[in-house]
Each structure stands twice: as C-alpha cells, then as structure tokens.
Amino acid sequence: MSYPMLEEKLKTLPQAALEEVASYVDYIFYKFTVSEKQCPIETKKSGFGCLKNIPCKMSPDFDEPLEEFAEYM
C-alpha cells in the first residue's frame, strides 16, 4: 500500500481510532527496532510435558472420592 492511499484512509478515521493507530505504530516501531539481545523472545511450550518444570504438589487425598458425588457412585 502506498503512503498516499494510507493517508487517505487515515483521514476518514475518527479521533479515537487515530489514537489506536498511533499506539499500534509505536508498538510496531518498538518491535522492529529493539534488538533481540535486549528483549529475548521466550519460546512457548505446548502439548504434553509443557508444565514439567513447574513445582506442583497434590494433597494426599487427591484421588479419594468426593462426598458431594457419593449418591452418584
């Protein structure tokens, strides 16, 4: 898209939308100018084993039947 076309579209937007566009442009500028060394991108794990290194403790009676469901068992 050329700058004149973009400028014409921006002229039709209300002030609130222009503020959002300006905020987004600031974000894009920051994203592409900050080096990866200053802002490392974390890799996201997904799937099986993605919570391996998160400390978690279960109560000893975790597998015991719940009283609330006694009539259904």
PDB file of N, CA and C in Angstrom:
ATOM      1  N   MET A   1       0.853  -1.162   0.000  1.00  0.00           N
ATOM      2  CA  MET A   1       0.000   0.000   0.000  1.00  0.00           C
ATOM      3  C   MET A   1       0.902   1.229   0.000  1.00  0.00           C
ATOM      4  N   SER A   2       0.561   2.184  -0.807  1.00  0.00           N
ATOM      5  CA  SER A   2       1.365   3.400  -0.901  1.00  0.00           C
ATOM      6  C   SER A   2       1.000   4.366   0.230  1.00  0.00           C
ATOM      7  N   TYR A   3       1.905   5.285   0.521  1.00  0.00           N
ATOM      8  CA  TYR A   3       1.668   6.262   1.579  1.00  0.00           C
ATOM      9  C   TYR A   3       0.457   7.153   1.301  1.00  0.00           C
ATOM     10  N   PRO A   4       0.270   7.617   0.057  1.00  0.00           N
ATOM     11  CA  PRO A   4      -0.925   8.441  -0.190  1.00  0.00           C
ATOM     12  C   PRO A   4      -2.233   7.691   0.059  1.00  0.00           C
ATOM     13  N   MET A   5      -2.287   6.410  -0.306  1.00  0.00           N
ATOM     14  CA  MET A   5      -3.500   5.619  -0.055  1.00  0.00           C
ATOM     15  C   MET A   5      -3.732   5.452   1.439  1.00  0.00           C
ATOM     16  N   LEU A   6      -2.659   5.191   2.164  1.00  0.00           N
ATOM     17  CA  LEU A   6      -2.757   5.044   3.611  1.00  0.00           C
ATOM     18  C   LEU A   6      -3.193   6.357   4.260  1.00  0.00           C
ATOM     19  N   GLU A   7      -2.656   7.443   3.771  1.00  0.00           N
ATOM     20  CA  GLU A   7      -3.019   8.749   4.315  1.00  0.00           C
ATOM     21  C   GLU A   7      -4.499   9.057   4.077  1.00  0.00           C
ATOM     22  N   GLU A   8      -5.016   8.691   2.920  1.00  0.00           N
ATOM     23  CA  GLU A   8      -6.440   8.911   2.628  1.00  0.00           C
ATOM     24  C   GLU A   8      -7.321   8.099   3.573  1.00  0.00           C
ATOM     25  N   LYS A   9      -6.928   6.868   3.853  1.00  0.00           N
ATOM     26  CA  LYS A   9      -7.693   6.034   4.790  1.00  0.00           C
ATOM     27  C   LYS A   9      -7.648   6.610   6.200  1.00  0.00           C
ATOM     28  N   LEU A  10      -6.485   7.112   6.596  1.00  0.00           N
ATOM     29  CA  LEU A  10      -6.348   7.689   7.934  1.00  0.00           C
ATOM     30  C   LEU A  10      -7.201   8.941   8.100  1.00  0.00           C
ATOM     31  N   LYS A  11      -7.382   9.696   7.042  1.00  0.00           N
ATOM     32  CA  LYS A  11      -8.180  10.918   7.108  1.00  0.00           C
ATOM     33  C   LYS A  11      -9.655  10.624   7.390  1.00  0.00           C
ATOM     34  N   THR A  12     -10.106   9.420   7.066  1.00  0.00           N
ATOM     35  CA  THR A  12     -11.515   9.084   7.263  1.00  0.00           C
ATOM     36  C   THR A  12     -11.809   8.530   8.653  1.00  0.00           C
ATOM     37  N   LEU A  13     -10.770   8.251   9.434  1.00  0.00           N
ATOM     38  CA  LEU A  13     -10.967   7.654  10.755  1.00  0.00           C
ATOM     39  C   LEU A  13     -11.321   8.707  11.803  1.00  0.00           C
ATOM     40  N   PRO A  14     -12.139   8.330  12.787  1.00  0.00           N
ATOM     41  CA  PRO A  14     -12.410   9.242  13.901  1.00  0.00           C
ATOM     42  C   PRO A  14     -11.171   9.366  14.806  1.00  0.00           C
ATOM     43  N   GLN A  15     -11.172  10.364  15.672  1.00  0.00           N
ATOM     44  CA  GLN A  15     -10.013  10.660  16.515  1.00  0.00           C
ATOM     45  C   GLN A  15      -9.624   9.479  17.410  1.00  0.00           C
ATOM     46  N   ALA A  16     -10.608   8.790  17.977  1.00  0.00           N
ATOM     47  CA  ALA A  16     -10.306   7.650  18.857  1.00  0.00           C
ATOM     48  C   ALA A  16      -9.573   6.552  18.092  1.00  0.00           C
ATOM     49  N   ALA A  17      -9.986   6.327  16.853  1.00  0.00           N
ATOM     50  CA  ALA A  17      -9.329   5.303  16.035  1.00  0.00           C
ATOM     51  C   ALA A  17      -7.919   5.744  15.663  1.00  0.00           C
ATOM     52  N   LEU A  18      -7.725   7.022  15.417  1.00  0.00           N
ATOM     53  CA  LEU A  18      -6.383   7.529  15.099  1.00  0.00           C
ATOM     54  C   LEU A  18      -5.429   7.334  16.269  1.00  0.00           C
ATOM     55  N   GLU A  19      -5.947   7.494  17.490  1.00  0.00           N
ATOM     56  CA  GLU A  19      -5.109   7.274  18.667  1.00  0.00           C
ATOM     57  C   GLU A  19      -4.701   5.805  18.772  1.00  0.00           C
ATOM     58  N   GLU A  20      -5.604   4.907  18.444  1.00  0.00           N
ATOM     59  CA  GLU A  20      -5.263   3.478  18.448  1.00  0.00           C
ATOM     60  C   GLU A  20      -4.236   3.165  17.376  1.00  0.00           C
ATOM     61  N   VAL A  21      -4.396   3.755  16.197  1.00  0.00           N
ATOM     62  CA  VAL A  21      -3.435   3.545  15.105  1.00  0.00           C
ATOM     63  C   VAL A  21      -2.063   4.049  15.533  1.00  0.00           C
ATOM     64  N   ALA A  22      -2.009   5.222  16.151  1.00  0.00           N
ATOM     65  CA  ALA A  22      -0.728   5.778  16.603  1.00  0.00           C
ATOM     66  C   ALA A  22      -0.078   4.870  17.636  1.00  0.00           C
ATOM     67  N   SER A  23      -0.886   4.331  18.543  1.00  0.00           N
ATOM     68  CA  SER A  23      -0.364   3.411  19.550  1.00  0.00           C
ATOM     69  C   SER A  23       0.186   2.146  18.906  1.00  0.00           C
ATOM     70  N   TYR A  24      -0.536   1.637  17.916  1.00  0.00           N
ATOM     71  CA  TYR A  24      -0.083   0.429  17.219  1.00  0.00           C
ATOM     72  C   TYR A  24       1.197   0.698  16.433  1.00  0.00           C
ATOM     73  N   VAL A  25       1.299   1.853  15.806  1.00  0.00           N
ATOM     74  CA  VAL A  25       2.513   2.206  15.071  1.00  0.00           C
ATOM     75  C   VAL A  25       3.695   2.276  16.029  1.00  0.00           C
ATOM     76  N   ASP A  26       3.488   2.838  17.214  1.00  0.00           N
ATOM     77  CA  ASP A  26       4.549   2.878  18.223  1.00  0.00           C
ATOM     78  C   ASP A  26       4.991   1.469  18.604  1.00  0.00           C
ATOM     79  N   TYR A  27       4.014   0.570  18.763  1.00  0.00           N
ATOM     80  CA  TYR A  27       4.333  -0.824  19.104  1.00  0.00           C
ATOM     81  C   TYR A  27       5.147  -1.483  17.992  1.00  0.00           C
ATOM     82  N   ILE A  28       4.721  -1.311  16.751  1.00  0.00           N
ATOM     83  CA  ILE A  28       5.438  -1.907  15.616  1.00  0.00           C
ATOM     84  C   ILE A  28       6.849  -1.335  15.537  1.00  0.00           C
ATOM     85  N   PHE A  29       6.973  -0.018  15.724  1.00  0.00           N
ATOM     86  CA  PHE A  29       8.292   0.607  15.698  1.00  0.00           C
ATOM     87  C   PHE A  29       9.190  -0.001  16.776  1.00  0.00           C
ATOM     88  N   TYR A  30       8.661  -0.151  17.976  1.00  0.00           N
ATOM     89  CA  TYR A  30       9.429  -0.740  19.076  1.00  0.00           C
ATOM     90  C   TYR A  30       9.816  -2.180  18.759  1.00  0.00           C
ATOM     91  N   LYS A  31       8.867  -2.925  18.237  1.00  0.00           N
ATOM     92  CA  LYS A  31       9.090  -4.349  17.939  1.00  0.00           C
ATOM     93  C   LYS A  31      10.225  -4.544  16.932  1.00  0.00           C
ATOM     94  N   PHE A  32      10.309  -3.691  15.931  1.00  0.00           N
ATOM     95  CA  PHE A  32      11.302  -3.865  14.885  1.00  0.00           C
ATOM     96  C   PHE A  32      12.598  -3.110  15.122  1.00  0.00           C
ATOM     97  N   THR A  33      12.669  -2.279  16.159  1.00  0.00           N
ATOM     98  CA  THR A  33      13.913  -1.553  16.411  1.00  0.00           C
ATOM     99  C   THR A  33      14.678  -2.068  17.619  1.00  0.00           C
ATOM    100  N   VAL A  34      14.014  -2.736  18.542  1.00  0.00           N
ATOM    101  CA  VAL A  34      14.694  -3.282  19.717  1.00  0.00           C
ATOM    102  C   VAL A  34      15.369  -4.587  19.303  1.00  0.00           C
ATOM    103  N   SER A  35      16.642  -4.705  19.610  1.00  0.00           N
ATOM    104  CA  SER A  35      17.352  -5.926  19.236  1.00  0.00           C
ATOM    105  C   SER A  35      16.903  -7.094  20.102  1.00  0.00           C
ATOM    106  N   GLU A  36      17.083  -8.284  19.582  1.00  0.00           N
ATOM    107  CA  GLU A  36      16.667  -9.481  20.315  1.00  0.00           C
ATOM    108  C   GLU A  36      17.485  -9.682  21.582  1.00  0.00           C
ATOM    109  N   LYS A  37      18.693  -9.140  21.632  1.00  0.00           N
ATOM    110  CA  LYS A  37      19.514  -9.264  22.826  1.00  0.00           C
ATOM    111  C   LYS A  37      18.915  -8.462  23.980  1.00  0.00           C
ATOM    112  N   GLN A  38      18.314  -7.320  23.660  1.00  0.00           N
ATOM    113  CA  GLN A  38      17.712  -6.503  24.702  1.00  0.00           C
ATOM    114  C   GLN A  38      16.385  -7.082  25.163  1.00  0.00           C
ATOM    115  N   CYS A  39      15.672  -7.714  24.288  1.00  0.00           N
ATOM    116  CA  CYS A  39      14.346  -8.236  24.599  1.00  0.00           C
ATOM    117  C   CYS A  39      14.233  -9.655  24.042  1.00  0.00           C
ATOM    118  N   PRO A  40      14.765 -10.671  24.763  1.00  0.00           N
ATOM    119  CA  PRO A  40      14.718 -12.037  24.233  1.00  0.00           C
ATOM    120  C   PRO A  40      13.286 -12.550  24.157  1.00  0.00           C
ATOM    121  N   ILE A  41      13.007 -13.279  23.102  1.00  0.00           N
ATOM    122  CA  ILE A  41      11.682 -13.863  22.910  1.00  0.00           C
ATOM    123  C   ILE A  41      11.672 -15.247  23.537  1.00  0.00           C
ATOM    124  N   GLU A  42      10.735 -15.475  24.430  1.00  0.00           N
ATOM    125  CA  GLU A  42      10.629 -16.769  25.076  1.00  0.00           C
ATOM    126  C   GLU A  42       9.887 -17.730  24.161  1.00  0.00           C
ATOM    127  N   THR A  43      10.350 -18.959  24.133  1.00  0.00           N
ATOM    128  CA  THR A  43       9.649 -19.960  23.342  1.00  0.00           C
ATOM    129  C   THR A  43       8.517 -20.519  24.178  1.00  0.00           C
ATOM    130  N   LYS A  44       7.380 -20.670  23.565  1.00  0.00           N
ATOM    131  CA  LYS A  44       6.225 -21.194  24.278  1.00  0.00           C
ATOM    132  C   LYS A  44       6.136 -22.692  24.036  1.00  0.00           C
ATOM    133  N   LYS A  45       6.022 -23.416  25.115  1.00  0.00           N
ATOM    134  CA  LYS A  45       5.833 -24.852  25.001  1.00  0.00           C
ATOM    135  C   LYS A  45       4.346 -25.135  24.940  1.00  0.00           C
ATOM    136  N   SER A  46       3.999 -26.148  24.227  1.00  0.00           N
ATOM    137  CA  SER A  46       2.611 -26.579  24.226  1.00  0.00           C
ATOM    138  C   SER A  46       2.588 -28.088  24.048  1.00  0.00           C
ATOM    139  N   GLY A  47       1.535 -28.687  24.473  1.00  0.00           N
ATOM    140  CA  GLY A  47       1.421 -30.129  24.342  1.00  0.00           C
ATOM    141  C   GLY A  47       1.842 -30.845  25.605  1.00  0.00           C
ATOM    142  N   PHE A  48       2.119 -32.130  25.464  1.00  0.00           N
ATOM    143  CA  PHE A  48       2.471 -32.960  26.606  1.00  0.00           C
ATOM    144  C   PHE A  48       3.799 -32.538  27.203  1.00  0.00           C
ATOM    145  N   GLY A  49       3.845 -32.445  28.508  1.00  0.00           N
ATOM    146  CA  GLY A  49       5.072 -32.105  29.207  1.00  0.00           C
ATOM    147  C   GLY A  49       5.379 -30.628  29.250  1.00  0.00           C
ATOM    148  N   CYS A  50       4.437 -29.773  28.876  1.00  0.00           N
ATOM    149  CA  CYS A  50       4.732 -28.345  28.848  1.00  0.00           C
ATOM    150  C   CYS A  50       4.814 -27.761  30.250  1.00  0.00           C
ATOM    151  N   LEU A  51       4.306 -28.453  31.256  1.00  0.00           N
ATOM    152  CA  LEU A  51       4.352 -27.962  32.635  1.00  0.00           C
ATOM    153  C   LEU A  51       5.324 -28.767  33.488  1.00  0.00           C
ATOM    154  N   LYS A  52       6.300 -29.405  32.865  1.00  0.00           N
ATOM    155  CA  LYS A  52       7.234 -30.263  33.570  1.00  0.00           C
ATOM    156  C   LYS A  52       7.986 -29.557  34.684  1.00  0.00           C
ATOM    157  N   ASN A  53       8.468 -28.378  34.440  1.00  0.00           N
ATOM    158  CA  ASN A  53       9.350 -27.706  35.397  1.00  0.00           C
ATOM    159  C   ASN A  53       8.617 -26.802  36.368  1.00  0.00           C
ATOM    160  N   ILE A  54       7.313 -26.863  36.407  1.00  0.00           N
ATOM    161  CA  ILE A  54       6.543 -26.037  37.327  1.00  0.00           C
ATOM    162  C   ILE A  54       6.283 -26.836  38.600  1.00  0.00           C
ATOM    163  N   PRO A  55       6.734 -26.308  39.756  1.00  0.00           N
ATOM    164  CA  PRO A  55       6.523 -27.045  41.003  1.00  0.00           C
ATOM    165  C   PRO A  55       5.035 -27.118  41.343  1.00  0.00           C
ATOM    166  N   CYS A  56       4.588 -28.308  41.650  1.00  0.00           N
ATOM    167  CA  CYS A  56       3.171 -28.517  41.940  1.00  0.00           C
ATOM    168  C   CYS A  56       3.068 -29.667  42.939  1.00  0.00           C
ATOM    169  N   LYS A  57       2.262 -29.483  43.965  1.00  0.00           N
ATOM    170  CA  LYS A  57       2.077 -30.544  44.959  1.00  0.00           C
ATOM    171  C   LYS A  57       0.597 -30.864  45.067  1.00  0.00           C
ATOM    172  N   MET A  58       0.277 -32.141  45.105  1.00  0.00           N
ATOM    173  CA  MET A  58      -1.097 -32.597  45.264  1.00  0.00           C
ATOM    174  C   MET A  58      -1.304 -33.012  46.715  1.00  0.00           C
ATOM    175  N   SER A  59      -2.497 -32.837  47.181  1.00  0.00           N
ATOM    176  CA  SER A  59      -2.793 -33.279  48.538  1.00  0.00           C
ATOM    177  C   SER A  59      -2.828 -34.806  48.566  1.00  0.00           C
ATOM    178  N   PRO A  60      -2.557 -35.412  49.721  1.00  0.00           N
ATOM    179  CA  PRO A  60      -2.522 -36.873  49.806  1.00  0.00           C
ATOM    180  C   PRO A  60      -3.865 -37.521  49.438  1.00  0.00           C
ATOM    181  N   ASP A  61      -4.971 -36.840  49.681  1.00  0.00           N
ATOM    182  CA  ASP A  61      -6.278 -37.436  49.389  1.00  0.00           C
ATOM    183  C   ASP A  61      -6.831 -37.000  48.024  1.00  0.00           C
ATOM    184  N   PHE A  62      -5.967 -36.651  47.103  1.00  0.00           N
ATOM    185  CA  PHE A  62      -6.392 -36.152  45.800  1.00  0.00           C
ATOM    186  C   PHE A  62      -7.268 -37.151  45.045  1.00  0.00           C
ATOM    187  N   ASP A  63      -6.911 -38.435  45.116  1.00  0.00           N
ATOM    188  CA  ASP A  63      -7.645 -39.461  44.363  1.00  0.00           C
ATOM    189  C   ASP A  63      -8.847 -40.032  45.115  1.00  0.00           C
ATOM    190  N   GLU A  64      -9.080 -39.587  46.325  1.00  0.00           N
ATOM    191  CA  GLU A  64     -10.209 -40.094  47.105  1.00  0.00           C
ATOM    192  C   GLU A  64     -11.533 -39.572  46.521  1.00  0.00           C
ATOM    193  N   PRO A  65     -12.614 -40.366  46.632  1.00  0.00           N
ATOM    194  CA  PRO A  65     -13.904 -39.900  46.139  1.00  0.00           C
ATOM    195  C   PRO A  65     -14.426 -38.711  46.951  1.00  0.00           C
ATOM    196  N   LEU A  66     -15.120 -37.825  46.296  1.00  0.00           N
ATOM    197  CA  LEU A  66     -15.663 -36.647  46.947  1.00  0.00           C
ATOM    198  C   LEU A  66     -17.035 -36.966  47.560  1.00  0.00           C
ATOM    199  N   GLU A  67     -17.298 -36.406  48.731  1.00  0.00           N
ATOM    200  CA  GLU A  67     -18.581 -36.638  49.414  1.00  0.00           C
ATOM    201  C   GLU A  67     -19.756 -36.132  48.575  1.00  0.00           C
ATOM    202  N   GLU A  68     -19.561 -35.053  47.841  1.00  0.00           N
ATOM    203  CA  GLU A  68     -20.631 -34.474  47.061  1.00  0.00           C
ATOM    204  C   GLU A  68     -21.160 -35.414  45.973  1.00  0.00           C
ATOM    205  N   PHE A  69     -20.310 -36.353  45.528  1.00  0.00           N
ATOM    206  CA  PHE A  69     -20.710 -37.266  44.468  1.00  0.00           C
ATOM    207  C   PHE A  69     -21.027 -38.661  44.973  1.00  0.00           C
ATOM    208  N   ALA A  70     -21.188 -38.823  46.272  1.00  0.00           N
ATOM    209  CA  ALA A  70     -21.431 -40.150  46.856  1.00  0.00           C
ATOM    210  C   ALA A  70     -22.708 -40.778  46.316  1.00  0.00           C
ATOM    211  N   GLU A  71     -23.763 -39.993  46.110  1.00  0.00           N
ATOM    212  CA  GLU A  71     -25.013 -40.581  45.621  1.00  0.00           C
ATOM    213  C   GLU A  71     -24.939 -41.044  44.174  1.00  0.00           C
ATOM    214  N   TYR A  72     -23.940 -40.583  43.404  1.00  0.00           N
ATOM    215  CA  TYR A  72     -23.800 -40.979  42.023  1.00  0.00           C
ATOM    216  C   TYR A  72     -22.887 -42.200  41.853  1.00  0.00           C
ATOM    217  N   MET A  73     -22.230 -42.602  42.914  1.00  0.00           N
ATOM    218  CA  MET A  73     -21.266 -43.716  42.803  1.00  0.00           C
ATOM    219  C   MET A  73     -21.842 -44.991  43.326  1.00  0.00           C
TER     220      MET A  73
END
